[in-house]
Amino acid sequence: MIYSMTGYGKSVLQLPTKKVTIELKSLNSKSLDLNARMPSIYREKELSIRKLLADSLERGKIDFSIYVEATAEDTSTQINTPVVKQYIEQLRQVVDGDAIELLKMAVRFPDALNTVREEIDENEWQIIAKEIDKAVEDLNSHRLDEGKVLEQEFNKRVTIISNLLDQVIVMDPERVDGVRERLLKGVEELKEKYDENRFEQELVYYIEKFDITEEKVRLKNHLDYFIECINSKDSNGKKLGFISQEMGREINTIGSKSNYAPMQQLVVQMKDELEKIKEQLLNVL
């Protein structure tokens, strides 16, 4: 079971005087990169929100947002009545104007309006915190769905590489015979006598130098281990990345040792499939 780092979660809460919308967006990243946007009244809760998201989402480029929309007459700005009255009295001493016109002028002066700082309601916050949990669950559900798509892709690519490896295994004896024939033909073209025992010894050394038995076995083990990790309980994109690097190492060694064009063509195909795996691994949690 694997999770993608790409996902989206949302939760909407209707309170008596406001509508609260919580959104979470996630993209791939090597580590946790969290960006939080919220009204100033909730800033004191930012650290606890960050800890929750870090524990629940592990890593990724996370955009967290809280949007608040007032749905009832509820304002934190109030008229400073005594100050406004003083402004009006002073204006009347300057000009004999209509009371409404004087009022319009007075409210534009400094300190005519007071903005009362809202205090967070802990009971209200407990409700919002539960909605944040729901948004996280929604995001993780989306990540799991994306992970299932990635899992199918990985199984497909690993199967192709495994089939190509089977072809390499079948082809290997033919490659060894080809090496033997080329060496023998080269010696015969010299038109000189040679020690057959010595030739056989050199031939064995040459073939052992280009032997790929260990690489074939290790590559098969890496492919099996990759599938095993995909089906494990935890999603670990970094671990899968390390395994893919080992797979690449064995494939490259087979290619450099093969010295046989048909086999090298199979190696090129394996490399192509492995690159597709590595590209998709960047999205795995």
Protein backbone atom coordinates (compact mmCIF):
# COMPACT_ATOMS: atom_id res chain seq x y z
CA MET A 1 0.00 0.00 0.00
CA ILE A 2 1.48 3.31 -1.02
CA TYR A 3 0.31 6.91 -0.73
CA SER A 4 0.84 9.68 -3.23
CA MET A 5 2.07 13.04 -1.98
CA THR A 6 -0.47 14.72 -4.27
CA GLY A 7 -3.90 15.28 -2.80
CA TYR A 8 -6.68 17.67 -1.81
CA GLY A 9 -8.83 17.85 1.31
CA LYS A 10 -11.68 20.16 2.26
CA SER A 11 -14.15 20.62 5.08
CA VAL A 12 -16.87 23.26 5.49
CA LEU A 13 -18.35 24.23 8.87
CA GLN A 14 -21.41 26.45 9.43
CA LEU A 15 -21.35 28.26 12.77
CA PRO A 16 -24.10 30.58 14.09
CA THR A 17 -22.43 33.77 12.81
CA LYS A 18 -19.85 32.54 10.31
CA LYS A 19 -18.98 29.96 7.69
CA VAL A 20 -15.55 28.35 8.08
CA THR A 21 -13.90 26.61 5.13
CA ILE A 22 -10.74 24.54 5.62
CA GLU A 23 -8.65 23.52 2.61
CA LEU A 24 -5.54 21.36 2.27
CA LYS A 25 -3.50 20.96 -0.91
CA SER A 26 -0.47 18.71 -1.21
CA LEU A 27 2.24 18.30 -3.85
CA ASN A 28 5.45 16.29 -3.90
CA SER A 29 8.49 17.49 -1.96
CA LYS A 30 11.58 15.85 -0.46
CA SER A 31 10.55 17.02 3.02
CA LEU A 32 7.65 18.73 4.76
CA ASP A 33 7.13 22.23 3.34
CA LEU A 34 4.10 23.72 5.09
CA ASN A 35 2.45 27.02 4.23
CA ALA A 36 -0.42 28.09 6.52
CA ARG A 37 -2.92 30.91 5.86
CA MET A 38 -5.56 31.83 8.42
CA PRO A 39 -7.31 34.85 10.00
CA SER A 40 -5.31 36.62 12.71
CA ILE A 41 -7.71 35.45 15.43
CA TYR A 42 -6.53 31.85 14.91
CA ARG A 43 -2.79 32.61 14.73
CA GLU A 44 -2.21 31.50 18.31
CA LYS A 45 -3.22 27.99 17.21
CA GLU A 46 -0.77 27.86 14.30
CA LEU A 47 1.91 25.84 16.10
CA SER A 48 -0.56 23.13 17.15
CA ILE A 49 -1.94 23.04 13.59
CA ARG A 50 1.56 22.64 12.16
CA LYS A 51 2.31 19.78 14.56
CA LEU A 52 -0.94 18.04 13.64
CA LEU A 53 -0.23 18.33 9.91
CA ALA A 54 3.40 17.22 10.31
CA ASP A 55 2.34 14.11 12.27
CA SER A 56 -0.52 13.25 9.92
CA LEU A 57 0.92 14.08 6.48
CA GLU A 58 4.66 13.34 7.07
CA ARG A 59 6.02 15.18 4.03
CA GLY A 60 5.07 17.06 0.91
CA LYS A 61 4.48 20.68 -0.09
CA ILE A 62 1.37 21.43 1.97
CA ASP A 63 -0.86 24.51 1.59
CA PHE A 64 -3.23 24.87 4.55
CA SER A 65 -5.93 27.55 4.55
CA ILE A 66 -8.77 28.64 6.82
CA TYR A 67 -11.34 30.97 5.25
CA VAL A 68 -13.99 32.70 7.37
CA GLU A 69 -17.14 34.26 5.90
CA ALA A 70 -19.48 36.23 8.16
CA THR A 71 -23.09 35.09 7.78
CA ALA A 72 -24.72 37.32 10.43
CA GLU A 73 -24.45 40.87 11.75
CA ASP A 74 -21.27 40.53 13.68
CA THR A 75 -18.59 43.19 13.54
CA SER A 76 -15.53 43.95 15.60
CA THR A 77 -15.61 47.66 14.65
CA GLN A 78 -17.59 50.06 16.87
CA ILE A 79 -18.26 53.80 16.78
CA ASN A 80 -16.38 55.72 19.47
CA THR A 81 -19.46 57.77 20.43
CA PRO A 82 -17.89 60.28 22.86
CA VAL A 83 -15.12 61.16 20.42
CA VAL A 84 -17.55 61.54 17.50
CA LYS A 85 -19.80 63.85 19.56
CA GLN A 86 -16.82 66.02 20.44
CA TYR A 87 -15.85 66.25 16.78
CA ILE A 88 -19.40 67.33 15.86
CA GLU A 89 -19.47 70.02 18.58
CA GLN A 90 -16.13 71.37 17.40
CA LEU A 91 -17.30 71.39 13.79
CA ARG A 92 -20.44 73.36 14.75
CA GLN A 93 -18.21 76.03 16.18
CA VAL A 94 -16.57 76.33 12.79
CA VAL A 95 -19.55 75.92 10.46
CA ASP A 96 -23.31 75.82 10.88
CA GLY A 97 -24.05 72.65 8.94
CA ASP A 98 -26.59 69.84 8.77
CA ALA A 99 -26.15 67.26 11.56
CA ILE A 100 -25.86 64.37 9.10
CA GLU A 101 -23.21 66.18 7.09
CA LEU A 102 -21.29 66.94 10.27
CA LEU A 103 -21.54 63.30 11.29
CA LYS A 104 -20.13 62.18 7.93
CA MET A 105 -17.17 64.44 8.49
CA ALA A 106 -16.68 63.44 12.12
CA VAL A 107 -16.43 59.68 11.51
CA ARG A 108 -13.52 60.29 9.15
CA PHE A 109 -11.39 61.80 11.90
CA PRO A 110 -8.85 59.77 13.93
CA ASP A 111 -10.16 57.50 16.69
CA ALA A 112 -13.77 57.92 15.53
CA LEU A 113 -13.98 54.13 15.12
CA ASN A 114 -12.68 51.50 17.51
CA THR A 115 -11.69 48.05 16.30
CA VAL A 116 -12.14 45.57 19.10
CA ARG A 117 -9.70 42.67 18.91
CA GLU A 118 -11.59 39.40 18.78
CA GLU A 119 -10.69 36.75 21.30
CA ILE A 120 -10.78 33.14 20.26
CA ASP A 121 -13.68 31.12 21.62
CA GLU A 122 -12.23 27.81 22.85
CA ASN A 123 -15.49 25.94 22.42
CA GLU A 124 -15.75 27.23 18.88
CA TRP A 125 -12.13 26.29 18.25
CA GLN A 126 -12.70 22.69 19.39
CA ILE A 127 -15.38 22.41 16.69
CA ILE A 128 -13.05 23.90 14.08
CA ALA A 129 -10.22 21.56 15.15
CA LYS A 130 -12.46 18.55 14.45
CA GLU A 131 -13.11 19.94 10.97
CA ILE A 132 -9.36 20.25 10.41
CA ASP A 133 -9.08 16.55 11.26
CA LYS A 134 -11.79 15.82 8.68
CA ALA A 135 -9.92 17.81 6.03
CA VAL A 136 -6.74 15.83 6.82
CA GLU A 137 -8.67 12.56 6.49
CA ASP A 138 -10.09 13.75 3.17
CA LEU A 139 -6.58 14.59 1.92
CA ASN A 140 -5.17 11.24 3.03
CA SER A 141 -8.07 9.44 1.34
CA HIS A 142 -7.24 11.27 -1.88
CA ARG A 143 -3.56 10.42 -1.45
CA LEU A 144 -4.46 6.74 -1.05
CA ASP A 145 -6.55 6.77 -4.24
CA GLU A 146 -3.65 8.37 -6.13
CA GLY A 147 -1.32 5.80 -4.56
CA LYS A 148 -3.39 2.93 -5.96
CA VAL A 149 -2.92 4.35 -9.46
CA LEU A 150 0.84 4.59 -8.87
CA GLU A 151 0.89 1.03 -7.54
CA GLN A 152 -0.63 -0.27 -10.76
CA GLU A 153 1.98 1.66 -12.74
CA PHE A 154 4.86 0.26 -10.67
CA ASN A 155 3.59 -3.31 -10.96
CA LYS A 156 3.35 -2.88 -14.72
CA ARG A 157 6.91 -1.51 -15.07
CA VAL A 158 8.46 -4.08 -12.72
CA THR A 159 6.75 -6.89 -14.64
CA ILE A 160 8.19 -5.57 -17.91
CA ILE A 161 11.71 -5.40 -16.42
CA SER A 162 11.30 -8.91 -14.99
CA ASN A 163 10.25 -10.25 -18.40
CA LEU A 164 13.25 -8.55 -20.03
CA LEU A 165 15.50 -10.11 -17.38
CA ASP A 166 14.06 -13.53 -18.24
CA GLN A 167 15.05 -12.90 -21.85
CA VAL A 168 18.56 -11.96 -20.70
CA ILE A 169 18.81 -15.21 -18.75
CA VAL A 170 17.72 -17.25 -21.77
CA MET A 171 20.12 -15.34 -24.01
CA ASP A 172 23.14 -15.62 -21.72
CA PRO A 173 24.37 -19.09 -22.85
CA GLU A 174 24.16 -17.91 -26.46
CA ARG A 175 26.24 -14.86 -25.52
CA VAL A 176 28.93 -17.04 -23.89
CA ASP A 177 29.08 -19.30 -26.94
CA GLY A 178 29.43 -16.22 -29.10
CA VAL A 179 32.37 -15.01 -27.02
CA ARG A 180 34.04 -18.38 -27.32
CA GLU A 181 33.59 -18.45 -31.11
CA ARG A 182 34.93 -14.92 -31.58
CA LEU A 183 38.02 -15.67 -29.56
CA LEU A 184 38.65 -18.94 -31.36
CA LYS A 185 38.18 -17.34 -34.75
CA GLY A 186 40.56 -14.54 -33.82
CA VAL A 187 43.25 -16.99 -32.79
CA GLU A 188 42.81 -19.05 -35.96
CA GLU A 189 43.17 -15.95 -38.11
CA LEU A 190 46.61 -15.42 -36.63
CA LYS A 191 47.62 -18.65 -38.44
CA GLU A 192 49.94 -19.55 -35.65
CA LYS A 193 50.11 -22.58 -33.42
CA TYR A 194 48.84 -22.09 -29.92
CA ASP A 195 48.64 -24.07 -26.71
CA GLU A 196 45.06 -25.33 -26.48
CA ASN A 197 45.26 -25.72 -22.70
CA ARG A 198 46.53 -22.18 -22.37
CA PHE A 199 43.78 -20.97 -24.66
CA GLU A 200 41.11 -22.70 -22.56
CA GLN A 201 42.50 -21.10 -19.41
CA GLU A 202 42.42 -17.66 -20.96
CA LEU A 203 38.95 -18.31 -22.30
CA VAL A 204 37.65 -19.29 -18.86
CA TYR A 205 39.22 -16.16 -17.35
CA TYR A 206 37.69 -13.97 -20.05
CA ILE A 207 34.24 -15.49 -19.68
CA GLU A 208 34.36 -15.24 -15.87
CA LYS A 209 35.32 -11.56 -16.18
CA PHE A 210 32.15 -10.93 -18.16
CA ASP A 211 29.98 -13.31 -16.16
CA ILE A 212 26.66 -11.68 -15.13
CA THR A 213 25.24 -14.48 -12.98
CA GLU A 214 25.44 -12.45 -9.75
CA GLU A 215 23.94 -9.37 -11.37
CA LYS A 216 21.00 -11.38 -12.68
CA VAL A 217 20.32 -12.85 -9.25
CA ARG A 218 20.62 -9.51 -7.45
CA LEU A 219 18.39 -7.72 -9.96
CA LYS A 220 15.72 -10.41 -9.52
CA ASN A 221 15.94 -9.99 -5.74
CA HIS A 222 15.63 -6.20 -6.03
CA LEU A 223 12.55 -6.53 -8.23
CA ASP A 224 10.92 -8.91 -5.74
CA TYR A 225 11.81 -6.65 -2.81
CA PHE A 226 10.37 -3.61 -4.62
CA ILE A 227 6.99 -5.36 -5.00
CA GLU A 228 7.18 -6.57 -1.39
CA CYS A 229 7.65 -2.98 -0.16
CA ILE A 230 4.76 -1.74 -2.30
CA ASN A 231 2.49 -4.30 -0.66
CA SER A 232 3.74 -3.60 2.87
CA LYS A 233 1.67 -1.73 5.46
CA ASP A 234 3.66 1.49 5.34
CA SER A 235 4.26 3.81 2.39
CA ASN A 236 7.96 4.68 2.08
CA GLY A 237 8.86 6.47 -1.14
CA LYS A 238 12.45 7.05 -0.01
CA LYS A 239 12.99 3.33 0.56
CA LEU A 240 11.56 2.51 -2.85
CA GLY A 241 13.89 5.13 -4.28
CA PHE A 242 16.91 3.39 -2.75
CA ILE A 243 15.78 0.03 -4.16
CA SER A 244 15.37 1.55 -7.63
CA GLN A 245 18.94 2.86 -7.42
CA GLU A 246 20.18 -0.67 -6.70
CA MET A 247 18.12 -1.98 -9.60
CA GLY A 248 19.76 0.60 -11.85
CA ARG A 249 23.23 -0.41 -10.64
CA GLU A 250 22.68 -4.07 -11.58
CA ILE A 251 21.12 -3.19 -14.94
CA ASN A 252 24.07 -0.94 -15.79
CA THR A 253 26.56 -3.65 -14.83
CA ILE A 254 24.78 -6.21 -17.00
CA GLY A 255 24.96 -3.77 -19.88
CA SER A 256 28.67 -3.06 -19.44
CA LYS A 257 29.60 -6.73 -19.02
CA SER A 258 27.39 -8.22 -21.70
CA ASN A 259 29.50 -7.22 -24.72
CA TYR A 260 26.65 -8.58 -26.82
CA ALA A 261 24.43 -6.33 -28.93
CA PRO A 262 21.11 -8.24 -28.54
CA MET A 263 21.51 -8.29 -24.77
CA GLN A 264 22.46 -4.62 -24.64
CA GLN A 265 19.24 -3.83 -26.49
CA LEU A 266 17.31 -5.54 -23.68
CA VAL A 267 19.31 -3.54 -21.14
CA VAL A 268 18.33 -0.30 -22.87
CA GLN A 269 14.67 -1.30 -22.58
CA MET A 270 15.11 -2.11 -18.89
CA LYS A 271 16.72 1.30 -18.31
CA ASP A 272 13.80 3.00 -20.02
CA GLU A 273 11.27 1.23 -17.79
CA LEU A 274 13.33 1.99 -14.68
CA GLU A 275 13.40 5.71 -15.53
CA LYS A 276 9.61 5.69 -15.68
CA ILE A 277 9.56 4.12 -12.23
CA LYS A 278 11.95 6.75 -10.85
CA GLU A 279 9.86 9.59 -12.24
CA GLN A 280 6.73 8.30 -10.51
CA LEU A 281 8.60 7.60 -7.26
CA LEU A 282 8.99 11.36 -6.81
CA ASN A 283 5.25 11.42 -6.05
CA VAL A 284 5.28 8.61 -3.46
CA LEU A 285 4.99 9.55 0.20
